[in-house]
Amino acid sequence: KLKTANNGHLTKTLEDLEYCDFIRSYVVLGKNSSTK
């Protein structure tokens, strides 16, 4: 959606935002509640 590379630079951006408590990352589980 941002038309940017899915690389380490994006990883750093997401990690930084999470360190600052702006965003959270979470795993959505499906079918048997053990599969991502």
PDB file of all heavy atoms in Angstrom:
ATOM      1  N   LYS A   1       0.816  -1.211   0.000  1.00  0.00           N
ATOM      2  CA  LYS A   1       0.000   0.000   0.000  1.00  0.00           C
ATOM      3  C   LYS A   1       0.852   1.264   0.000  1.00  0.00           C
ATOM      4  O   LYS A   1       0.447   2.304  -0.536  1.00  0.00           O
ATOM      5  CB  LYS A   1      -0.948  -0.011   1.203  1.00  0.00           C
ATOM      6  CG  LYS A   1      -2.053  -1.060   1.093  1.00  0.00           C
ATOM      7  CD  LYS A   1      -2.958  -1.057   2.314  1.00  0.00           C
ATOM      8  CE  LYS A   1      -4.030  -2.128   2.208  1.00  0.00           C
ATOM      9  NZ  LYS A   1      -4.990  -1.849   1.132  1.00  0.00           N
ATOM     10  N   LEU A   2       2.047   1.198   0.613  1.00  0.00           N
ATOM     11  CA  LEU A   2       2.931   2.359   0.632  1.00  0.00           C
ATOM     12  C   LEU A   2       3.866   2.393  -0.571  1.00  0.00           C
ATOM     13  O   LEU A   2       4.641   3.341  -0.727  1.00  0.00           O
ATOM     14  CB  LEU A   2       3.762   2.377   1.916  1.00  0.00           C
ATOM     15  CG  LEU A   2       3.009   2.638   3.220  1.00  0.00           C
ATOM     16  CD1 LEU A   2       3.979   2.630   4.407  1.00  0.00           C
ATOM     17  CD2 LEU A   2       2.263   3.968   3.173  1.00  0.00           C
ATOM     18  N   LYS A   3       3.792   1.323  -1.379  1.00  0.00           N
ATOM     19  CA  LYS A   3       4.645   1.206  -2.565  1.00  0.00           C
ATOM     20  C   LYS A   3       6.120   1.334  -2.172  1.00  0.00           C
ATOM     21  O   LYS A   3       6.901   2.095  -2.761  1.00  0.00           O
ATOM     22  CB  LYS A   3       4.279   2.257  -3.613  1.00  0.00           C
ATOM     23  CG  LYS A   3       2.875   2.070  -4.192  1.00  0.00           C
ATOM     24  CD  LYS A   3       2.552   3.130  -5.226  1.00  0.00           C
ATOM     25  CE  LYS A   3       1.257   2.837  -5.953  1.00  0.00           C
ATOM     26  NZ  LYS A   3       0.091   2.660  -5.064  1.00  0.00           N
ATOM     27  N   THR A   4       6.486   0.575  -1.152  1.00  0.00           N
ATOM     28  CA  THR A   4       7.863   0.576  -0.675  1.00  0.00           C
ATOM     29  C   THR A   4       8.367  -0.859  -0.602  1.00  0.00           C
ATOM     30  O   THR A   4       7.579  -1.812  -0.625  1.00  0.00           O
ATOM     31  CB  THR A   4       7.963   1.245   0.714  1.00  0.00           C
ATOM     32  OG1 THR A   4       9.330   1.424   1.057  1.00  0.00           O
ATOM     33  CG2 THR A   4       7.276   0.403   1.785  1.00  0.00           C
ATOM     34  N   ALA A   5       9.670  -1.027  -0.515  1.00  0.00           N
ATOM     35  CA  ALA A   5      10.256  -2.366  -0.478  1.00  0.00           C
ATOM     36  C   ALA A   5       9.976  -3.038   0.864  1.00  0.00           C
ATOM     37  O   ALA A   5      10.038  -2.404   1.917  1.00  0.00           O
ATOM     38  CB  ALA A   5      11.765  -2.278  -0.712  1.00  0.00           C
ATOM     39  N   ASN A   6       9.677  -4.329   0.790  1.00  0.00           N
ATOM     40  CA  ASN A   6       9.460  -5.121   2.001  1.00  0.00           C
ATOM     41  C   ASN A   6      10.805  -5.691   2.438  1.00  0.00           C
ATOM     42  O   ASN A   6      11.117  -6.857   2.230  1.00  0.00           O
ATOM     43  CB  ASN A   6       8.452  -6.237   1.708  1.00  0.00           C
ATOM     44  CG  ASN A   6       8.040  -6.995   2.959  1.00  0.00           C
ATOM     45  OD1 ASN A   6       8.565  -6.744   4.043  1.00  0.00           O
ATOM     46  ND2 ASN A   6       7.125  -7.931   2.816  1.00  0.00           N
ATOM     47  N   ASN A   7      11.608  -4.831   3.058  1.00  0.00           N
ATOM     48  CA  ASN A   7      12.983  -5.222   3.386  1.00  0.00           C
ATOM     49  C   ASN A   7      13.338  -4.806   4.815  1.00  0.00           C
ATOM     50  O   ASN A   7      12.471  -4.472   5.615  1.00  0.00           O
ATOM     51  CB  ASN A   7      13.955  -4.592   2.386  1.00  0.00           C
ATOM     52  CG  ASN A   7      13.810  -3.068   2.318  1.00  0.00           C
ATOM     53  OD1 ASN A   7      13.212  -2.445   3.210  1.00  0.00           O
ATOM     54  ND2 ASN A   7      14.353  -2.456   1.286  1.00  0.00           N
ATOM     55  N   GLY A   8      14.617  -4.811   5.113  1.00  0.00           N
ATOM     56  CA  GLY A   8      15.084  -4.478   6.456  1.00  0.00           C
ATOM     57  C   GLY A   8      14.758  -3.057   6.868  1.00  0.00           C
ATOM     58  O   GLY A   8      14.584  -2.764   8.053  1.00  0.00           O
ATOM     59  N   HIS A   9      14.678  -2.172   5.895  1.00  0.00           N
ATOM     60  CA  HIS A   9      14.342  -0.777   6.202  1.00  0.00           C
ATOM     61  C   HIS A   9      12.936  -0.687   6.770  1.00  0.00           C
ATOM     62  O   HIS A   9      12.696   0.030   7.758  1.00  0.00           O
ATOM     63  CB  HIS A   9      14.453   0.060   4.925  1.00  0.00           C
ATOM     64  CG  HIS A   9      14.239   1.526   5.144  1.00  0.00           C
ATOM     65  ND1 HIS A   9      15.135   2.320   5.826  1.00  0.00           N
ATOM     66  CD2 HIS A   9      13.211   2.343   4.782  1.00  0.00           C
ATOM     67  CE1 HIS A   9      14.688   3.558   5.861  1.00  0.00           C
ATOM     68  NE2 HIS A   9      13.505   3.595   5.243  1.00  0.00           N
ATOM     69  N   LEU A  10      12.003  -1.430   6.178  1.00  0.00           N
ATOM     70  CA  LEU A  10      10.634  -1.450   6.698  1.00  0.00           C
ATOM     71  C   LEU A  10      10.603  -2.134   8.060  1.00  0.00           C
ATOM     72  O   LEU A  10       9.874  -1.702   8.965  1.00  0.00           O
ATOM     73  CB  LEU A  10       9.708  -2.170   5.716  1.00  0.00           C
ATOM     74  CG  LEU A  10       8.236  -2.280   6.149  1.00  0.00           C
ATOM     75  CD1 LEU A  10       7.637  -0.900   6.367  1.00  0.00           C
ATOM     76  CD2 LEU A  10       7.432  -3.057   5.113  1.00  0.00           C
ATOM     77  N   THR A  11      11.386  -3.181   8.228  1.00  0.00           N
ATOM     78  CA  THR A  11      11.464  -3.866   9.526  1.00  0.00           C
ATOM     79  C   THR A  11      11.875  -2.886  10.617  1.00  0.00           C
ATOM     80  O   THR A  11      11.280  -2.855  11.700  1.00  0.00           O
ATOM     81  CB  THR A  11      12.475  -5.028   9.467  1.00  0.00           C
ATOM     82  OG1 THR A  11      12.021  -5.987   8.521  1.00  0.00           O
ATOM     83  CG2 THR A  11      12.624  -5.693  10.826  1.00  0.00           C
ATOM     84  N   LYS A  12      12.895  -2.080  10.342  1.00  0.00           N
ATOM     85  CA  LYS A  12      13.383  -1.103  11.318  1.00  0.00           C
ATOM     86  C   LYS A  12      12.295  -0.088  11.656  1.00  0.00           C
ATOM     87  O   LYS A  12      12.095   0.261  12.827  1.00  0.00           O
ATOM     88  CB  LYS A  12      14.615  -0.385  10.774  1.00  0.00           C
ATOM     89  CG  LYS A  12      15.189   0.667  11.715  1.00  0.00           C
ATOM     90  CD  LYS A  12      16.429   1.313  11.107  1.00  0.00           C
ATOM     91  CE  LYS A  12      17.008   2.362  12.043  1.00  0.00           C
ATOM     92  NZ  LYS A  12      16.090   3.496  12.292  1.00  0.00           N
ATOM     93  N   THR A  13      11.580   0.377  10.640  1.00  0.00           N
ATOM     94  CA  THR A  13      10.514   1.353  10.875  1.00  0.00           C
ATOM     95  C   THR A  13       9.441   0.787  11.784  1.00  0.00           C
ATOM     96  O   THR A  13       9.002   1.429  12.743  1.00  0.00           O
ATOM     97  CB  THR A  13       9.893   1.794   9.538  1.00  0.00           C
ATOM     98  OG1 THR A  13      10.904   2.389   8.713  1.00  0.00           O
ATOM     99  CG2 THR A  13       8.770   2.798   9.761  1.00  0.00           C
ATOM    100  N   LEU A  14       9.029  -0.447  11.504  1.00  0.00           N
ATOM    101  CA  LEU A  14       7.990  -1.087  12.310  1.00  0.00           C
ATOM    102  C   LEU A  14       8.483  -1.359  13.728  1.00  0.00           C
ATOM    103  O   LEU A  14       7.743  -1.158  14.706  1.00  0.00           O
ATOM    104  CB  LEU A  14       7.530  -2.378  11.645  1.00  0.00           C
ATOM    105  CG  LEU A  14       6.807  -2.211  10.295  1.00  0.00           C
ATOM    106  CD1 LEU A  14       6.583  -3.565   9.635  1.00  0.00           C
ATOM    107  CD2 LEU A  14       5.483  -1.481  10.468  1.00  0.00           C
ATOM    108  N   GLU A  15       9.728  -1.805  13.860  1.00  0.00           N
ATOM    109  CA  GLU A  15      10.288  -2.056  15.195  1.00  0.00           C
ATOM    110  C   GLU A  15      10.352  -0.761  16.002  1.00  0.00           C
ATOM    111  O   GLU A  15      10.028  -0.750  17.193  1.00  0.00           O
ATOM    112  CB  GLU A  15      11.682  -2.668  15.068  1.00  0.00           C
ATOM    113  CG  GLU A  15      11.682  -4.124  14.637  1.00  0.00           C
ATOM    114  CD  GLU A  15      13.089  -4.688  14.501  1.00  0.00           C
ATOM    115  OE1 GLU A  15      14.062  -3.896  14.566  1.00  0.00           O
ATOM    116  OE2 GLU A  15      13.219  -5.907  14.339  1.00  0.00           O
ATOM    117  N   ASP A  16      10.780   0.312  15.346  1.00  0.00           N
ATOM    118  CA  ASP A  16      10.887   1.600  16.039  1.00  0.00           C
ATOM    119  C   ASP A  16       9.537   2.070  16.556  1.00  0.00           C
ATOM    120  O   ASP A  16       9.417   2.548  17.688  1.00  0.00           O
ATOM    121  CB  ASP A  16      11.477   2.662  15.100  1.00  0.00           C
ATOM    122  CG  ASP A  16      12.952   2.433  14.813  1.00  0.00           C
ATOM    123  OD1 ASP A  16      13.546   1.556  15.455  1.00  0.00           O
ATOM    124  OD2 ASP A  16      13.501   3.130  13.934  1.00  0.00           O
ATOM    125  N   LEU A  17       8.508   1.950  15.738  1.00  0.00           N
ATOM    126  CA  LEU A  17       7.167   2.362  16.151  1.00  0.00           C
ATOM    127  C   LEU A  17       6.649   1.499  17.297  1.00  0.00           C
ATOM    128  O   LEU A  17       5.942   1.981  18.188  1.00  0.00           O
ATOM    129  CB  LEU A  17       6.209   2.294  14.960  1.00  0.00           C
ATOM    130  CG  LEU A  17       6.384   3.384  13.899  1.00  0.00           C
ATOM    131  CD1 LEU A  17       5.578   3.067  12.657  1.00  0.00           C
ATOM    132  CD2 LEU A  17       5.996   4.753  14.454  1.00  0.00           C
ATOM    133  N   GLU A  18       7.040   0.229  17.280  1.00  0.00           N
ATOM    134  CA  GLU A  18       6.607  -0.660  18.355  1.00  0.00           C
ATOM    135  C   GLU A  18       7.354  -0.359  19.650  1.00  0.00           C
ATOM    136  O   GLU A  18       6.766  -0.381  20.732  1.00  0.00           O
ATOM    137  CB  GLU A  18       6.809  -2.120  17.941  1.00  0.00           C
ATOM    138  CG  GLU A  18       6.037  -3.095  18.790  1.00  0.00           C
ATOM    139  CD  GLU A  18       5.913  -4.474  18.151  1.00  0.00           C
ATOM    140  OE1 GLU A  18       6.470  -4.702  17.065  1.00  0.00           O
ATOM    141  OE2 GLU A  18       5.244  -5.333  18.766  1.00  0.00           O
ATOM    142  N   TYR A  19       8.657  -0.054  19.549  1.00  0.00           N
ATOM    143  CA  TYR A  19       9.421   0.330  20.730  1.00  0.00           C
ATOM    144  C   TYR A  19       8.784   1.540  21.422  1.00  0.00           C
ATOM    145  O   TYR A  19       8.797   1.656  22.650  1.00  0.00           O
ATOM    146  CB  TYR A  19      10.859   0.705  20.351  1.00  0.00           C
ATOM    147  CG  TYR A  19      11.760  -0.447  19.990  1.00  0.00           C
ATOM    148  CD1 TYR A  19      12.714  -0.302  18.973  1.00  0.00           C
ATOM    149  CD2 TYR A  19      11.694  -1.660  20.650  1.00  0.00           C
ATOM    150  CE1 TYR A  19      13.559  -1.342  18.632  1.00  0.00           C
ATOM    151  CE2 TYR A  19      12.537  -2.705  20.313  1.00  0.00           C
ATOM    152  CZ  TYR A  19      13.468  -2.550  19.301  1.00  0.00           C
ATOM    153  OH  TYR A  19      14.307  -3.579  18.959  1.00  0.00           O
ATOM    154  N   CYS A  20       8.232   2.448  20.617  1.00  0.00           N
ATOM    155  CA  CYS A  20       7.668   3.692  21.144  1.00  0.00           C
ATOM    156  C   CYS A  20       6.204   3.548  21.556  1.00  0.00           C
ATOM    157  O   CYS A  20       5.558   4.542  21.908  1.00  0.00           O
ATOM    158  CB  CYS A  20       7.795   4.805  20.112  1.00  0.00           C
ATOM    159  SG  CYS A  20       9.495   5.304  19.779  1.00  0.00           S
ATOM    160  N   ASP A  21       5.669   2.335  21.480  1.00  0.00           N
ATOM    161  CA  ASP A  21       4.288   2.054  21.894  1.00  0.00           C
ATOM    162  C   ASP A  21       3.238   2.696  20.993  1.00  0.00           C
ATOM    163  O   ASP A  21       2.099   2.889  21.405  1.00  0.00           O
ATOM    164  CB  ASP A  21       4.041   2.495  23.352  1.00  0.00           C
ATOM    165  CG  ASP A  21       4.868   1.701  24.347  1.00  0.00           C
ATOM    166  OD1 ASP A  21       5.137   0.523  24.068  1.00  0.00           O
ATOM    167  OD2 ASP A  21       5.251   2.263  25.392  1.00  0.00           O
ATOM    168  N   PHE A  22       3.622   3.014  19.760  1.00  0.00           N
ATOM    169  CA  PHE A  22       2.637   3.547  18.817  1.00  0.00           C
ATOM    170  C   PHE A  22       1.840   2.428  18.147  1.00  0.00           C
ATOM    171  O   PHE A  22       0.664   2.585  17.860  1.00  0.00           O
ATOM    172  CB  PHE A  22       3.324   4.385  17.737  1.00  0.00           C
ATOM    173  CG  PHE A  22       3.864   5.687  18.238  1.00  0.00           C
ATOM    174  CD1 PHE A  22       5.200   6.023  18.055  1.00  0.00           C
ATOM    175  CD2 PHE A  22       3.052   6.586  18.898  1.00  0.00           C
ATOM    176  CE1 PHE A  22       5.704   7.224  18.521  1.00  0.00           C
ATOM    177  CE2 PHE A  22       3.546   7.786  19.373  1.00  0.00           C
ATOM    178  CZ  PHE A  22       4.878   8.107  19.185  1.00  0.00           C
ATOM    179  N   ILE A  23       2.500   1.328  17.869  1.00  0.00           N
ATOM    180  CA  ILE A  23       1.824   0.209  17.226  1.00  0.00           C
ATOM    181  C   ILE A  23       2.088  -1.058  18.035  1.00  0.00           C
ATOM    182  O   ILE A  23       2.971  -1.090  18.888  1.00  0.00           O
ATOM    183  CB  ILE A  23       2.290  -0.001  15.766  1.00  0.00           C
ATOM    184  CG1 ILE A  23       3.742  -0.473  15.723  1.00  0.00           C
ATOM    185  CG2 ILE A  23       2.116   1.276  14.949  1.00  0.00           C
ATOM    186  CD1 ILE A  23       4.230  -0.859  14.325  1.00  0.00           C
ATOM    187  N   ARG A  24       1.308  -2.078  17.766  1.00  0.00           N
ATOM    188  CA  ARG A  24       1.575  -3.396  18.338  1.00  0.00           C
ATOM    189  C   ARG A  24       1.585  -4.402  17.196  1.00  0.00           C
ATOM    190  O   ARG A  24       0.958  -4.196  16.149  1.00  0.00           O
ATOM    191  CB  ARG A  24       0.519  -3.793  19.362  1.00  0.00           C
ATOM    192  CG  ARG A  24      -0.847  -4.096  18.752  1.00  0.00           C
ATOM    193  CD  ARG A  24      -1.728  -4.889  19.689  1.00  0.00           C
ATOM    194  NE  ARG A  24      -3.023  -5.206  19.088  1.00  0.00           N
ATOM    195  CZ  ARG A  24      -3.686  -6.328  19.271  1.00  0.00           C
ATOM    196  NH1 ARG A  24      -3.194  -7.275  20.043  1.00  0.00           N
ATOM    197  NH2 ARG A  24      -4.855  -6.534  18.694  1.00  0.00           N
ATOM    198  N   SER A  25       2.315  -5.474  17.373  1.00  0.00           N
ATOM    199  CA  SER A  25       2.276  -6.579  16.419  1.00  0.00           C
ATOM    200  C   SER A  25       1.641  -7.764  17.133  1.00  0.00           C
ATOM    201  O   SER A  25       1.907  -8.001  18.310  1.00  0.00           O
ATOM    202  CB  SER A  25       3.678  -6.937  15.925  1.00  0.00           C
ATOM    203  OG  SER A  25       4.497  -7.352  16.994  1.00  0.00           O
ATOM    204  N   TYR A  26       0.768  -8.447  16.437  1.00  0.00           N
ATOM    205  CA  TYR A  26       0.126  -9.603  17.052  1.00  0.00           C
ATOM    206  C   TYR A  26      -0.112 -10.674  15.995  1.00  0.00           C
ATOM    207  O   TYR A  26      -0.139 -10.393  14.793  1.00  0.00           O
ATOM    208  CB  TYR A  26      -1.193  -9.207  17.725  1.00  0.00           C
ATOM    209  CG  TYR A  26      -2.288  -8.760  16.794  1.00  0.00           C
ATOM    210  CD1 TYR A  26      -3.304  -9.636  16.414  1.00  0.00           C
ATOM    211  CD2 TYR A  26      -2.339  -7.451  16.315  1.00  0.00           C
ATOM    212  CE1 TYR A  26      -4.332  -9.225  15.575  1.00  0.00           C
ATOM    213  CE2 TYR A  26      -3.361  -7.031  15.482  1.00  0.00           C
ATOM    214  CZ  TYR A  26      -4.355  -7.919  15.114  1.00  0.00           C
ATOM    215  OH  TYR A  26      -5.367  -7.503  14.279  1.00  0.00           O
ATOM    216  N   VAL A  27      -0.241 -11.878  16.461  1.00  0.00           N
ATOM    217  CA  VAL A  27      -0.449 -13.017  15.575  1.00  0.00           C
ATOM    218  C   VAL A  27      -1.926 -13.360  15.565  1.00  0.00           C
ATOM    219  O   VAL A  27      -2.552 -13.496  16.618  1.00  0.00           O
ATOM    220  CB  VAL A  27       0.377 -14.238  16.030  1.00  0.00           C
ATOM    221  CG1 VAL A  27       0.034 -15.452  15.180  1.00  0.00           C
ATOM    222  CG2 VAL A  27       1.864 -13.930  15.950  1.00  0.00           C
ATOM    223  N   VAL A  28      -2.483 -13.458  14.376  1.00  0.00           N
ATOM    224  CA  VAL A  28      -3.860 -13.916  14.237  1.00  0.00           C
ATOM    225  C   VAL A  28      -3.822 -15.414  14.009  1.00  0.00           C
ATOM    226  O   VAL A  28      -3.137 -15.905  13.108  1.00  0.00           O
ATOM    227  CB  VAL A  28      -4.567 -13.226  13.052  1.00  0.00           C
ATOM    228  CG1 VAL A  28      -5.937 -13.834  12.828  1.00  0.00           C
ATOM    229  CG2 VAL A  28      -4.698 -11.738  13.327  1.00  0.00           C
ATOM    230  N   LEU A  29      -4.528 -16.160  14.845  1.00  0.00           N
ATOM    231  CA  LEU A  29      -4.568 -17.603  14.713  1.00  0.00           C
ATOM    232  C   LEU A  29      -5.847 -18.020  13.996  1.00  0.00           C
ATOM    233  O   LEU A  29      -6.879 -17.376  14.105  1.00  0.00           O
ATOM    234  CB  LEU A  29      -4.490 -18.270  16.084  1.00  0.00           C
ATOM    235  CG  LEU A  29      -3.238 -17.943  16.903  1.00  0.00           C
ATOM    236  CD1 LEU A  29      -3.240 -18.707  18.191  1.00  0.00           C
ATOM    237  CD2 LEU A  29      -1.982 -18.261  16.108  1.00  0.00           C
ATOM    238  N   GLY A  30      -5.744 -19.119  13.279  1.00  0.00           N
ATOM    239  CA  GLY A  30      -6.894 -19.598  12.526  1.00  0.00           C
ATOM    240  C   GLY A  30      -7.280 -20.994  12.939  1.00  0.00           C
ATOM    241  O   GLY A  30      -7.016 -21.452  14.037  1.00  0.00           O
ATOM    242  N   LYS A  31      -7.916 -21.652  12.084  1.00  0.00           N
ATOM    243  CA  LYS A  31      -8.496 -22.994  12.166  1.00  0.00           C
ATOM    244  C   LYS A  31      -8.351 -23.719  13.498  1.00  0.00           C
ATOM    245  O   LYS A  31      -9.327 -23.938  14.186  1.00  0.00           O
ATOM    246  CB  LYS A  31      -7.942 -23.848  11.040  1.00  0.00           C
ATOM    247  CG  LYS A  31      -8.857 -25.022  10.732  1.00  0.00           C
ATOM    248  CD  LYS A  31      -8.492 -25.638   9.417  1.00  0.00           C
ATOM    249  CE  LYS A  31      -9.455 -26.749   9.083  1.00  0.00           C
ATOM    250  NZ  LYS A  31      -9.152 -27.395   7.825  1.00  0.00           N
ATOM    251  N   ASN A  32      -7.161 -24.123  13.893  1.00  0.00           N
ATOM    252  CA  ASN A  32      -7.042 -24.933  15.111  1.00  0.00           C
ATOM    253  C   ASN A  32      -6.373 -24.173  16.253  1.00  0.00           C
ATOM    254  O   ASN A  32      -5.860 -24.742  17.187  1.00  0.00           O
ATOM    255  CB  ASN A  32      -6.263 -26.227  14.828  1.00  0.00           C
ATOM    256  CG  ASN A  32      -4.848 -25.945  14.346  1.00  0.00           C
ATOM    257  OD1 ASN A  32      -4.421 -24.797  14.337  1.00  0.00           O
ATOM    258  ND2 ASN A  32      -4.141 -26.977  13.942  1.00  0.00           N
ATOM    259  N   SER A  33      -6.367 -22.839  16.155  1.00  0.00           N
ATOM    260  CA  SER A  33      -5.789 -21.926  17.161  1.00  0.00           C
ATOM    261  C   SER A  33      -4.319 -22.211  17.441  1.00  0.00           C
ATOM    262  O   SER A  33      -3.793 -21.890  18.478  1.00  0.00           O
ATOM    263  CB  SER A  33      -6.592 -21.918  18.473  1.00  0.00           C
ATOM    264  OG  SER A  33      -6.083 -22.766  19.446  1.00  0.00           O
ATOM    265  N   SER A  34      -3.645 -22.822  16.491  1.00  0.00           N
ATOM    266  CA  SER A  34      -2.196 -22.991  16.630  1.00  0.00           C
ATOM    267  C   SER A  34      -1.497 -22.683  15.311  1.00  0.00           C
ATOM    268  O   SER A  34      -0.282 -22.704  15.225  1.00  0.00           O
ATOM    269  CB  SER A  34      -1.849 -24.416  17.061  1.00  0.00           C
ATOM    270  OG  SER A  34      -2.252 -25.347  16.072  1.00  0.00           O
ATOM    271  N   THR A  35      -2.269 -22.379  14.292  1.00  0.00           N
ATOM    272  CA  THR A  35      -1.714 -22.108  12.975  1.00  0.00           C
ATOM    273  C   THR A  35      -1.818 -20.631  12.653  1.00  0.00           C
ATOM    274  O   THR A  35      -2.891 -20.038  12.736  1.00  0.00           O
ATOM    275  CB  THR A  35      -2.466 -22.901  11.885  1.00  0.00           C
ATOM    276  OG1 THR A  35      -2.428 -24.271  12.222  1.00  0.00           O
ATOM    277  CG2 THR A  35      -1.830 -22.681  10.529  1.00  0.00           C
ATOM    278  N   LYS A  36      -0.718 -19.989  12.316  1.00  0.00           N
ATOM    279  CA  LYS A  36      -0.734 -18.581  11.939  1.00  0.00           C
ATOM    280  C   LYS A  36      -1.445 -18.419  10.604  1.00  0.00           C
ATOM    281  O   LYS A  36      -1.255 -19.217   9.690  1.00  0.00           O
ATOM    282  CB  LYS A  36       0.693 -18.032  11.818  1.00  0.00           C
ATOM    283  CG  LYS A  36       1.459 -17.988  13.124  1.00  0.00           C
ATOM    284  CD  LYS A  36       2.816 -17.387  12.899  1.00  0.00           C
ATOM    285  CE  LYS A  36       3.632 -17.380  14.195  1.00  0.00           C
ATOM    286  NZ  LYS A  36       4.977 -16.809  14.006  1.00  0.00           N
TER     287      LYS A  36
END
